[in-house]
Amino acid sequence: MSKKKTEIEFIKIICVIDGLAEGLNIRKEQEYYGFETVDRLGYNVYTEKEKGRLPIYIGSYPKTYFQLIDNEIYVVTFEKNA
């Protein structure tokens, strides 16, 4: 039986607006993980990773709502038996 691996590269971002005041699921000064949307205008945003858990998808938001924390890439690997 072979295993299929898929890797997703996340960046660490911090929210710079009060999204809750606008009815969004993001909080000012909260750290998140994400990666660029296909159109490169925003991020697909995930909650912070906890050890042993995969990040939980929150939504897609414009880049202007976030600031990049560092240039480090965080890789999550998914394995599936084929």
PDB file of N, CA and C in Angstrom:
ATOM      1  N   MET A   1       0.842  -1.178   0.000  1.00  0.00           N
ATOM      2  CA  MET A   1       0.000   0.000   0.000  1.00  0.00           C
ATOM      3  C   MET A   1       0.890   1.245   0.000  1.00  0.00           C
ATOM      4  N   SER A   2       0.636   2.169  -0.884  1.00  0.00           N
ATOM      5  CA  SER A   2       1.436   3.392  -0.966  1.00  0.00           C
ATOM      6  C   SER A   2       0.742   4.533  -0.227  1.00  0.00           C
ATOM      7  N   LYS A   3       1.553   5.515   0.139  1.00  0.00           N
ATOM      8  CA  LYS A   3       1.028   6.689   0.822  1.00  0.00           C
ATOM      9  C   LYS A   3       1.185   7.904  -0.071  1.00  0.00           C
ATOM     10  N   LYS A   4       0.172   8.725  -0.093  1.00  0.00           N
ATOM     11  CA  LYS A   4       0.206   9.961  -0.863  1.00  0.00           C
ATOM     12  C   LYS A   4       0.381  11.115   0.124  1.00  0.00           C
ATOM     13  N   LYS A   5       1.366  11.985  -0.140  1.00  0.00           N
ATOM     14  CA  LYS A   5       1.635  13.121   0.733  1.00  0.00           C
ATOM     15  C   LYS A   5       1.255  14.422   0.048  1.00  0.00           C
ATOM     16  N   THR A   6       0.632  15.296   0.798  1.00  0.00           N
ATOM     17  CA  THR A   6       0.312  16.632   0.330  1.00  0.00           C
ATOM     18  C   THR A   6       0.852  17.619   1.355  1.00  0.00           C
ATOM     19  N   GLU A   7       1.565  18.633   0.902  1.00  0.00           N
ATOM     20  CA  GLU A   7       2.102  19.633   1.801  1.00  0.00           C
ATOM     21  C   GLU A   7       1.476  20.993   1.507  1.00  0.00           C
ATOM     22  N   ILE A   8       1.171  21.714   2.573  1.00  0.00           N
ATOM     23  CA  ILE A   8       0.664  23.083   2.448  1.00  0.00           C
ATOM     24  C   ILE A   8       1.606  23.985   3.231  1.00  0.00           C
ATOM     25  N   GLU A   9       2.033  25.070   2.602  1.00  0.00           N
ATOM     26  CA  GLU A   9       2.923  26.027   3.244  1.00  0.00           C
ATOM     27  C   GLU A   9       2.101  27.199   3.780  1.00  0.00           C
ATOM     28  N   PHE A  10       2.208  27.425   5.089  1.00  0.00           N
ATOM     29  CA  PHE A  10       1.508  28.519   5.749  1.00  0.00           C
ATOM     30  C   PHE A  10       2.495  29.612   6.130  1.00  0.00           C
ATOM     31  N   ILE A  11       2.010  30.854   6.176  1.00  0.00           N
ATOM     32  CA  ILE A  11       2.776  31.963   6.733  1.00  0.00           C
ATOM     33  C   ILE A  11       2.052  32.429   7.985  1.00  0.00           C
ATOM     34  N   LYS A  12       2.766  33.087   8.867  1.00  0.00           N
ATOM     35  CA  LYS A  12       2.167  33.580  10.104  1.00  0.00           C
ATOM     36  C   LYS A  12       1.806  35.053   9.910  1.00  0.00           C
ATOM     37  N   ILE A  13       0.565  35.399  10.197  1.00  0.00           N
ATOM     38  CA  ILE A  13       0.066  36.762  10.004  1.00  0.00           C
ATOM     39  C   ILE A  13      -0.654  37.221  11.267  1.00  0.00           C
ATOM     40  N   ILE A  14      -0.770  38.542  11.424  1.00  0.00           N
ATOM     41  CA  ILE A  14      -1.496  39.106  12.551  1.00  0.00           C
ATOM     42  C   ILE A  14      -2.564  40.058  12.017  1.00  0.00           C
ATOM     43  N   CYS A  15      -3.725  40.005  12.609  1.00  0.00           N
ATOM     44  CA  CYS A  15      -4.843  40.852  12.182  1.00  0.00           C
ATOM     45  C   CYS A  15      -4.617  42.287  12.675  1.00  0.00           C
ATOM     46  N   VAL A  16      -4.848  43.282  11.809  1.00  0.00           N
ATOM     47  CA  VAL A  16      -4.623  44.684  12.166  1.00  0.00           C
ATOM     48  C   VAL A  16      -5.913  45.491  12.249  1.00  0.00           C
ATOM     49  N   ILE A  17      -7.066  44.822  12.070  1.00  0.00           N
ATOM     50  CA  ILE A  17      -8.353  45.519  12.205  1.00  0.00           C
ATOM     51  C   ILE A  17      -9.234  44.750  13.197  1.00  0.00           C
ATOM     52  N   ASP A  18     -10.264  45.412  13.692  1.00  0.00           N
ATOM     53  CA  ASP A  18     -11.205  44.743  14.574  1.00  0.00           C
ATOM     54  C   ASP A  18     -12.306  44.119  13.721  1.00  0.00           C
ATOM     55  N   GLY A  19     -12.071  42.908  13.270  1.00  0.00           N
ATOM     56  CA  GLY A  19     -13.018  42.226  12.403  1.00  0.00           C
ATOM     57  C   GLY A  19     -14.341  41.918  13.079  1.00  0.00           C
ATOM     58  N   LEU A  20     -14.315  41.688  14.401  1.00  0.00           N
ATOM     59  CA  LEU A  20     -15.555  41.382  15.119  1.00  0.00           C
ATOM     60  C   LEU A  20     -16.545  42.540  15.034  1.00  0.00           C
ATOM     61  N   ALA A  21     -16.026  43.781  15.034  1.00  0.00           N
ATOM     62  CA  ALA A  21     -16.898  44.957  14.928  1.00  0.00           C
ATOM     63  C   ALA A  21     -17.585  45.005  13.566  1.00  0.00           C
ATOM     64  N   GLU A  22     -16.968  44.382  12.551  1.00  0.00           N
ATOM     65  CA  GLU A  22     -17.536  44.351  11.202  1.00  0.00           C
ATOM     66  C   GLU A  22     -18.290  43.048  10.924  1.00  0.00           C
ATOM     67  N   GLY A  23     -18.441  42.214  11.964  1.00  0.00           N
ATOM     68  CA  GLY A  23     -19.151  40.955  11.789  1.00  0.00           C
ATOM     69  C   GLY A  23     -18.305  39.854  11.173  1.00  0.00           C
ATOM     70  N   LEU A  24     -16.985  39.981  11.251  1.00  0.00           N
ATOM     71  CA  LEU A  24     -16.076  38.981  10.688  1.00  0.00           C
ATOM     72  C   LEU A  24     -15.557  38.072  11.806  1.00  0.00           C
ATOM     73  N   ASN A  25     -14.986  36.951  11.422  1.00  0.00           N
ATOM     74  CA  ASN A  25     -14.478  35.981  12.395  1.00  0.00           C
ATOM     75  C   ASN A  25     -13.004  36.171  12.720  1.00  0.00           C
ATOM     76  N   ILE A  26     -12.510  37.388  12.638  1.00  0.00           N
ATOM     77  CA  ILE A  26     -11.113  37.665  12.941  1.00  0.00           C
ATOM     78  C   ILE A  26     -11.032  38.770  13.984  1.00  0.00           C
ATOM     79  N   ARG A  27      -9.993  38.696  14.833  1.00  0.00           N
ATOM     80  CA  ARG A  27      -9.828  39.662  15.921  1.00  0.00           C
ATOM     81  C   ARG A  27      -8.535  40.451  15.767  1.00  0.00           C
ATOM     82  N   LYS A  28      -8.608  41.721  16.116  1.00  0.00           N
ATOM     83  CA  LYS A  28      -7.419  42.573  16.063  1.00  0.00           C
ATOM     84  C   LYS A  28      -6.349  42.026  17.005  1.00  0.00           C
ATOM     85  N   GLU A  29      -5.091  42.059  16.532  1.00  0.00           N
ATOM     86  CA  GLU A  29      -3.906  41.624  17.258  1.00  0.00           C
ATOM     87  C   GLU A  29      -3.849  40.118  17.512  1.00  0.00           C
ATOM     88  N   GLN A  30      -4.759  39.355  16.916  1.00  0.00           N
ATOM     89  CA  GLN A  30      -4.735  37.889  17.014  1.00  0.00           C
ATOM     90  C   GLN A  30      -3.843  37.344  15.903  1.00  0.00           C
ATOM     91  N   GLU A  31      -3.022  36.338  16.223  1.00  0.00           N
ATOM     92  CA  GLU A  31      -2.158  35.714  15.236  1.00  0.00           C
ATOM     93  C   GLU A  31      -2.887  34.575  14.543  1.00  0.00           C
ATOM     94  N   TYR A  32      -2.662  34.470  13.233  1.00  0.00           N
ATOM     95  CA  TYR A  32      -3.279  33.428  12.424  1.00  0.00           C
ATOM     96  C   TYR A  32      -2.231  32.842  11.479  1.00  0.00           C
ATOM     97  N   TYR A  33      -2.597  31.743  10.842  1.00  0.00           N
ATOM     98  CA  TYR A  33      -1.790  31.155   9.778  1.00  0.00           C
ATOM     99  C   TYR A  33      -2.588  31.275   8.494  1.00  0.00           C
ATOM    100  N   GLY A  34      -1.904  31.377   7.368  1.00  0.00           N
ATOM    101  CA  GLY A  34      -2.622  31.476   6.106  1.00  0.00           C
ATOM    102  C   GLY A  34      -1.712  31.288   4.917  1.00  0.00           C
ATOM    103  N   PHE A  35      -2.334  31.335   3.755  1.00  0.00           N
ATOM    104  CA  PHE A  35      -1.589  31.354   2.501  1.00  0.00           C
ATOM    105  C   PHE A  35      -2.377  32.197   1.523  1.00  0.00           C
ATOM    106  N   GLU A  36      -1.686  32.715   0.502  1.00  0.00           N
ATOM    107  CA  GLU A  36      -2.314  33.634  -0.451  1.00  0.00           C
ATOM    108  C   GLU A  36      -3.446  32.973  -1.221  1.00  0.00           C
ATOM    109  N   THR A  37      -4.462  33.782  -1.527  1.00  0.00           N
ATOM    110  CA  THR A  37      -5.536  33.322  -2.395  1.00  0.00           C
ATOM    111  C   THR A  37      -4.999  33.243  -3.825  1.00  0.00           C
ATOM    112  N   VAL A  38      -5.715  32.574  -4.692  1.00  0.00           N
ATOM    113  CA  VAL A  38      -5.276  32.396  -6.079  1.00  0.00           C
ATOM    114  C   VAL A  38      -5.085  33.740  -6.775  1.00  0.00           C
ATOM    115  N   ASP A  39      -5.954  34.706  -6.490  1.00  0.00           N
ATOM    116  CA  ASP A  39      -5.842  36.018  -7.130  1.00  0.00           C
ATOM    117  C   ASP A  39      -4.788  36.924  -6.478  1.00  0.00           C
ATOM    118  N   ARG A  40      -4.135  36.438  -5.404  1.00  0.00           N
ATOM    119  CA  ARG A  40      -3.076  37.139  -4.674  1.00  0.00           C
ATOM    120  C   ARG A  40      -3.537  38.423  -3.994  1.00  0.00           C
ATOM    121  N   LEU A  41      -4.838  38.614  -3.836  1.00  0.00           N
ATOM    122  CA  LEU A  41      -5.360  39.814  -3.194  1.00  0.00           C
ATOM    123  C   LEU A  41      -5.661  39.618  -1.712  1.00  0.00           C
ATOM    124  N   GLY A  42      -5.622  38.373  -1.266  1.00  0.00           N
ATOM    125  CA  GLY A  42      -5.973  38.093   0.118  1.00  0.00           C
ATOM    126  C   GLY A  42      -5.292  36.846   0.637  1.00  0.00           C
ATOM    127  N   TYR A  43      -5.765  36.428   1.821  1.00  0.00           N
ATOM    128  CA  TYR A  43      -5.246  35.223   2.454  1.00  0.00           C
ATOM    129  C   TYR A  43      -6.389  34.267   2.778  1.00  0.00           C
ATOM    130  N   ASN A  44      -6.123  32.984   2.652  1.00  0.00           N
ATOM    131  CA  ASN A  44      -6.985  31.956   3.225  1.00  0.00           C
ATOM    132  C   ASN A  44      -6.484  31.816   4.654  1.00  0.00           C
ATOM    133  N   VAL A  45      -7.342  32.116   5.617  1.00  0.00           N
ATOM    134  CA  VAL A  45      -6.918  32.271   7.008  1.00  0.00           C
ATOM    135  C   VAL A  45      -7.352  31.075   7.852  1.00  0.00           C
ATOM    136  N   TYR A  46      -6.423  30.638   8.713  1.00  0.00           N
ATOM    137  CA  TYR A  46      -6.635  29.500   9.606  1.00  0.00           C
ATOM    138  C   TYR A  46      -6.276  29.895  11.027  1.00  0.00           C
ATOM    139  N   THR A  47      -6.900  29.221  12.005  1.00  0.00           N
ATOM    140  CA  THR A  47      -6.564  29.473  13.402  1.00  0.00           C
ATOM    141  C   THR A  47      -5.147  29.009  13.666  1.00  0.00           C
ATOM    142  N   GLU A  48      -4.595  29.478  14.756  1.00  0.00           N
ATOM    143  CA  GLU A  48      -3.247  29.050  15.122  1.00  0.00           C
ATOM    144  C   GLU A  48      -3.203  27.555  15.312  1.00  0.00           C
ATOM    145  N   LYS A  49      -2.093  26.979  14.891  1.00  0.00           N
ATOM    146  CA  LYS A  49      -1.911  25.541  15.045  1.00  0.00           C
ATOM    147  C   LYS A  49      -1.624  25.208  16.501  1.00  0.00           C
ATOM    148  N   GLU A  50      -2.207  24.119  16.972  1.00  0.00           N
ATOM    149  CA  GLU A  50      -1.844  23.568  18.264  1.00  0.00           C
ATOM    150  C   GLU A  50      -1.088  22.287  17.984  1.00  0.00           C
ATOM    151  N   LYS A  51      -0.191  21.954  18.869  1.00  0.00           N
ATOM    152  CA  LYS A  51       0.633  20.770  18.635  1.00  0.00           C
ATOM    153  C   LYS A  51      -0.255  19.546  18.427  1.00  0.00           C
ATOM    154  N   GLY A  52      -0.027  18.860  17.316  1.00  0.00           N
ATOM    155  CA  GLY A  52      -0.783  17.652  17.019  1.00  0.00           C
ATOM    156  C   GLY A  52      -2.130  17.892  16.351  1.00  0.00           C
ATOM    157  N   ARG A  53      -2.477  19.136  16.087  1.00  0.00           N
ATOM    158  CA  ARG A  53      -3.753  19.460  15.451  1.00  0.00           C
ATOM    159  C   ARG A  53      -3.518  20.238  14.171  1.00  0.00           C
ATOM    160  N   LEU A  54      -4.392  20.031  13.220  1.00  0.00           N
ATOM    161  CA  LEU A  54      -4.334  20.813  11.990  1.00  0.00           C
ATOM    162  C   LEU A  54      -5.033  22.146  12.213  1.00  0.00           C
ATOM    163  N   PRO A  55      -4.589  23.190  11.515  1.00  0.00           N
ATOM    164  CA  PRO A  55      -5.276  24.483  11.629  1.00  0.00           C
ATOM    165  C   PRO A  55      -6.717  24.379  11.128  1.00  0.00           C
ATOM    166  N   ILE A  56      -7.590  25.201  11.693  1.00  0.00           N
ATOM    167  CA  ILE A  56      -9.006  25.222  11.303  1.00  0.00           C
ATOM    168  C   ILE A  56      -9.258  26.433  10.415  1.00  0.00           C
ATOM    169  N   TYR A  57      -9.881  26.205   9.258  1.00  0.00           N
ATOM    170  CA  TYR A  57     -10.154  27.269   8.281  1.00  0.00           C
ATOM    171  C   TYR A  57     -11.176  28.254   8.833  1.00  0.00           C
ATOM    172  N   ILE A  58     -10.862  29.547   8.727  1.00  0.00           N
ATOM    173  CA  ILE A  58     -11.769  30.606   9.176  1.00  0.00           C
ATOM    174  C   ILE A  58     -12.440  31.284   7.995  1.00  0.00           C
ATOM    175  N   GLY A  59     -11.677  31.570   6.940  1.00  0.00           N
ATOM    176  CA  GLY A  59     -12.231  32.242   5.774  1.00  0.00           C
ATOM    177  C   GLY A  59     -11.150  32.901   4.947  1.00  0.00           C
ATOM    178  N   SER A  60     -11.561  33.578   3.878  1.00  0.00           N
ATOM    179  CA  SER A  60     -10.650  34.336   3.017  1.00  0.00           C
ATOM    180  C   SER A  60     -10.889  35.819   3.253  1.00  0.00           C
ATOM    181  N   TYR A  61      -9.798  36.547   3.474  1.00  0.00           N
ATOM    182  CA  TYR A  61      -9.892  37.973   3.783  1.00  0.00           C
ATOM    183  C   TYR A  61      -8.840  38.745   3.000  1.00  0.00           C
ATOM    184  N   PRO A  62      -9.087  40.041   2.733  1.00  0.00           N
ATOM    185  CA  PRO A  62      -8.115  40.866   2.009  1.00  0.00           C
ATOM    186  C   PRO A  62      -6.804  40.998   2.781  1.00  0.00           C
ATOM    187  N   LYS A  63      -5.710  41.132   2.051  1.00  0.00           N
ATOM    188  CA  LYS A  63      -4.397  41.283   2.667  1.00  0.00           C
ATOM    189  C   LYS A  63      -4.308  42.511   3.567  1.00  0.00           C
ATOM    190  N   THR A  64      -5.086  43.543   3.258  1.00  0.00           N
ATOM    191  CA  THR A  64      -5.027  44.779   4.037  1.00  0.00           C
ATOM    192  C   THR A  64      -5.467  44.576   5.484  1.00  0.00           C
ATOM    193  N   TYR A  65      -6.147  43.470   5.789  1.00  0.00           N
ATOM    194  CA  TYR A  65      -6.587  43.173   7.148  1.00  0.00           C
ATOM    195  C   TYR A  65      -5.472  42.569   7.996  1.00  0.00           C
ATOM    196  N   PHE A  66      -4.345  42.226   7.370  1.00  0.00           N
ATOM    197  CA  PHE A  66      -3.287  41.498   8.068  1.00  0.00           C
ATOM    198  C   PHE A  66      -1.909  42.091   7.822  1.00  0.00           C
ATOM    199  N   GLN A  67      -0.999  41.752   8.715  1.00  0.00           N
ATOM    200  CA  GLN A  67       0.403  42.110   8.570  1.00  0.00           C
ATOM    201  C   GLN A  67       1.211  40.822   8.741  1.00  0.00           C
ATOM    202  N   LEU A  68       2.220  40.657   7.908  1.00  0.00           N
ATOM    203  CA  LEU A  68       3.097  39.495   7.976  1.00  0.00           C
ATOM    204  C   LEU A  68       3.938  39.590   9.243  1.00  0.00           C
ATOM    205  N   ILE A  69       3.990  38.504  10.027  1.00  0.00           N
ATOM    206  CA  ILE A  69       4.768  38.514  11.276  1.00  0.00           C
ATOM    207  C   ILE A  69       6.235  38.238  11.009  1.00  0.00           C
ATOM    208  N   ASP A  70       6.520  37.206  10.251  1.00  0.00           N
ATOM    209  CA  ASP A  70       7.901  36.876   9.925  1.00  0.00           C
ATOM    210  C   ASP A  70       7.930  36.228   8.544  1.00  0.00           C
ATOM    211  N   ASN A  71       9.095  35.979   8.047  1.00  0.00           N
ATOM    212  CA  ASN A  71       9.217  35.378   6.713  1.00  0.00           C
ATOM    213  C   ASN A  71       9.329  33.863   6.762  1.00  0.00           C
ATOM    214  N   GLU A  72       9.096  33.283   7.936  1.00  0.00           N
ATOM    215  CA  GLU A  72       9.223  31.846   8.090  1.00  0.00           C
ATOM    216  C   GLU A  72       8.021  31.132   7.474  1.00  0.00           C
ATOM    217  N   ILE A  73       8.283  29.998   6.838  1.00  0.00           N
ATOM    218  CA  ILE A  73       7.234  29.179   6.231  1.00  0.00           C
ATOM    219  C   ILE A  73       6.977  27.987   7.143  1.00  0.00           C
ATOM    220  N   TYR A  74       5.715  27.711   7.423  1.00  0.00           N
ATOM    221  CA  TYR A  74       5.319  26.573   8.240  1.00  0.00           C
ATOM    222  C   TYR A  74       4.656  25.548   7.337  1.00  0.00           C
ATOM    223  N   VAL A  75       5.185  24.341   7.305  1.00  0.00           N
ATOM    224  CA  VAL A  75       4.685  23.307   6.396  1.00  0.00           C
ATOM    225  C   VAL A  75       3.862  22.283   7.164  1.00  0.00           C
ATOM    226  N   VAL A  76       2.658  22.006   6.668  1.00  0.00           N
ATOM    227  CA  VAL A  76       1.808  20.954   7.218  1.00  0.00           C
ATOM    228  C   VAL A  76       1.732  19.864   6.166  1.00  0.00           C
ATOM    229  N   THR A  77       2.019  18.632   6.556  1.00  0.00           N
ATOM    230  CA  THR A  77       2.007  17.503   5.640  1.00  0.00           C
ATOM    231  C   THR A  77       0.827  16.595   5.953  1.00  0.00           C
ATOM    232  N   PHE A  78       0.045  16.289   4.931  1.00  0.00           N
ATOM    233  CA  PHE A  78      -1.077  15.368   5.060  1.00  0.00           C
ATOM    234  C   PHE A  78      -0.680  14.062   4.389  1.00  0.00           C
ATOM    235  N   GLU A  79      -0.928  12.945   5.040  1.00  0.00           N
ATOM    236  CA  GLU A  79      -0.648  11.647   4.441  1.00  0.00           C
ATOM    237  C   GLU A  79      -1.945  10.872   4.283  1.00  0.00           C
ATOM    238  N   LYS A  80      -2.074  10.221   3.144  1.00  0.00           N
ATOM    239  CA  LYS A  80      -3.275   9.424   2.854  1.00  0.00           C
ATOM    240  C   LYS A  80      -2.829   8.111   2.254  1.00  0.00           C
ATOM    241  N   ASN A  81      -3.395   7.019   2.759  1.00  0.00           N
ATOM    242  CA  ASN A  81      -3.094   5.709   2.173  1.00  0.00           C
ATOM    243  C   ASN A  81      -3.821   5.559   0.850  1.00  0.00           C
ATOM    244  N   ALA A  82      -3.092   5.192  -0.187  1.00  0.00           N
ATOM    245  CA  ALA A  82      -3.682   5.056  -1.516  1.00  0.00           C
ATOM    246  C   ALA A  82      -4.006   3.617  -1.837  1.00  0.00           C
TER     247      ALA A  82
END
